[in-house]
Protein backbone atom coordinates (compact mmCIF):
# COMPACT_ATOMS: atom_id res chain seq x y z
CA MET A 1 88.30 97.90 79.04
CA ILE A 2 86.92 95.18 81.31
CA GLY A 3 86.36 97.24 84.47
CA PHE A 4 86.79 96.25 88.09
CA THR A 5 83.99 93.66 88.16
CA GLY A 6 85.36 91.89 85.09
CA GLY A 7 88.89 92.11 86.46
CA ALA A 8 87.74 90.61 89.76
CA VAL A 9 86.04 87.72 87.95
CA VAL A 10 89.13 87.04 85.82
CA MET A 11 91.43 87.18 88.87
CA THR A 12 89.10 84.89 90.81
CA ALA A 13 89.29 82.33 88.03
CA TYR A 14 93.08 82.71 87.94
CA LEU A 15 93.25 82.28 91.72
CA VAL A 16 91.07 79.16 91.78
CA LEU A 17 92.78 77.51 88.80
CA GLY A 18 96.25 78.45 90.02
CA ALA A 19 95.66 77.21 93.57
CA ARG A 20 94.34 73.90 92.27
CA GLY A 21 97.17 73.60 89.74
CA ALA A 22 94.67 73.13 86.93
CA TRP A 23 95.70 73.45 83.30
CA LYS A 24 99.05 75.20 82.97
CA ILE A 25 98.44 77.65 85.81
CA LYS A 26 100.24 76.68 89.00
CA LEU A 27 100.59 79.00 91.99
CA GLY A 28 102.75 78.32 95.04
CA HIS A 29 101.62 79.14 98.57
CA GLU A 30 103.07 82.67 98.53
CA ALA A 31 101.76 83.38 95.04
CA VAL A 32 98.25 82.41 96.20
CA ILE A 33 98.49 85.10 98.91
CA VAL A 34 99.61 87.77 96.44
CA VAL A 35 96.97 86.89 93.83
CA ALA A 36 94.27 86.71 96.54
CA PHE A 37 95.32 90.13 97.89
CA ILE A 38 95.11 91.72 94.44
CA THR A 39 91.78 89.98 93.79
CA GLY A 40 90.46 91.25 97.13
CA GLN A 41 91.51 94.76 96.16
CA LEU A 42 89.65 94.43 92.86
CA TYR A 43 86.59 93.19 94.80
CA ALA A 44 86.74 96.34 96.92
CA GLN A 45 87.01 98.54 93.84
CA ALA A 46 84.13 96.72 92.10
CA GLY A 47 81.76 97.99 94.79
CA GLU A 48 78.41 96.42 95.60
CA THR A 49 78.94 93.41 93.35
CA PHE A 50 81.52 91.96 95.75
CA SER A 51 80.58 93.72 99.00
CA PHE A 52 80.26 90.35 100.77
CA LEU A 53 84.04 90.31 101.23
CA LYS A 54 84.02 93.56 103.19
CA ASP A 55 81.21 92.15 105.34
CA MET A 56 83.24 88.98 105.98
CA SER A 57 86.31 91.03 106.92
CA GLY A 58 84.29 93.24 109.26
CA GLY A 59 82.71 90.20 110.91
CA LEU A 60 86.11 88.57 111.42
CA SER A 61 87.52 91.78 112.86
CA GLU A 62 84.60 92.20 115.28
CA ALA A 63 84.82 88.56 116.37
CA ILE A 64 88.52 88.85 117.16
CA GLN A 65 88.09 92.16 118.97
CA SER A 66 85.15 90.95 121.06
CA SER A 67 86.93 87.75 122.06
CA PHE A 68 89.44 89.80 124.07
CA GLY A 69 86.69 91.49 126.09
CA SER A 70 85.78 95.11 126.63
CA GLY A 71 88.88 95.86 128.73
CA ALA A 72 91.31 95.18 125.92
CA ASN A 73 92.16 97.93 123.48
CA PHE A 74 92.41 95.72 120.41
CA GLY A 75 91.91 97.79 117.27
CA ALA A 76 91.67 97.19 113.54
CA GLY A 77 95.44 97.47 113.11
CA ALA A 78 96.04 94.63 115.55
CA VAL A 79 93.48 92.47 113.74
CA ALA A 80 95.15 93.15 110.37
CA ILE A 81 98.57 92.24 111.76
CA LEU A 82 97.18 89.14 113.48
CA VAL A 83 95.61 87.88 110.24
CA SER A 84 98.86 88.62 108.37
CA VAL A 85 100.79 86.59 110.95
CA LEU A 86 98.27 83.76 110.57
CA VAL A 87 98.69 83.77 106.79
CA TYR A 88 102.48 83.62 106.95
CA GLY A 89 102.98 81.83 110.28
CA LEU A 90 100.77 78.76 110.05
CA LYS A 91 101.45 75.64 108.03
CA PRO A 92 100.83 76.56 104.38
CA SER A 93 97.33 75.88 103.08
CA LYS A 94 96.34 77.31 99.72
CA PHE A 95 92.63 77.45 100.61
CA ARG A 96 93.15 79.25 103.95
CA ASN A 97 95.78 81.58 102.46
CA GLY A 98 93.44 82.39 99.58
CA VAL A 99 90.48 83.20 101.82
CA LEU A 100 92.51 85.27 104.28
CA GLY A 101 94.38 86.94 101.41
CA LEU A 102 91.06 88.05 99.94
CA MET A 103 90.15 89.69 103.26
CA LEU A 104 93.48 91.44 103.85
CA PRO A 105 92.80 94.54 101.68
CA ALA A 106 89.63 95.36 103.62
CA LEU A 107 91.41 94.75 106.94
CA TYR A 108 94.40 96.87 105.90
CA THR A 109 92.14 99.72 104.79
CA ALA A 110 90.24 99.61 108.09
CA ALA A 111 93.54 99.60 110.00
CA GLY A 112 94.70 102.78 108.29
CA GLY A 113 98.21 104.17 108.45
CA MET A 114 101.02 102.28 106.77
CA LEU A 115 98.86 99.22 106.11
CA ALA A 116 96.30 101.31 104.23
CA THR A 117 99.10 102.76 102.12
CA VAL A 118 99.71 99.26 100.71
CA THR A 119 96.10 98.98 99.58
CA HIS A 120 96.10 102.50 98.13
CA VAL A 121 99.22 101.82 96.07
CA ILE A 122 97.74 98.57 94.72
CA SER A 123 94.45 100.37 94.12
CA ASN A 124 96.23 102.97 92.01
CA LEU A 125 98.13 100.30 90.06
CA THR A 126 95.06 98.15 89.39
CA GLY A 127 93.03 101.23 88.54
CA THR A 128 95.59 102.15 85.92
CA VAL A 129 95.75 98.63 84.51
CA VAL A 130 92.05 97.68 84.65
CA ALA A 131 90.17 100.91 83.99
């Protein structure tokens, strides 16, 4: 089997080619989000090879939380929901949706609860398919 690192590389190529509409692979705006989310989950499962994505997600989360000041109780769940609203609420952009979609699994896992359940289900499915 190809493993999580190989799967992440293949999905990254699929995401880039599909978002650009290159060759015969064409992804719409919503499909870019889904493919980016799955690719981000594979990055998380690959471990140290793609740990930069977790660092980016953590930095984004800290920046959003600190912008509201120390008096606000703005946790990881609120950041995950805010980024989700940005992905689906702003004018569609494949590049922005791809980047934010890659970060969503790490944000959902940090948020915990029902959002983390989504990443765990996808983790189990990709683990069955890839490993």
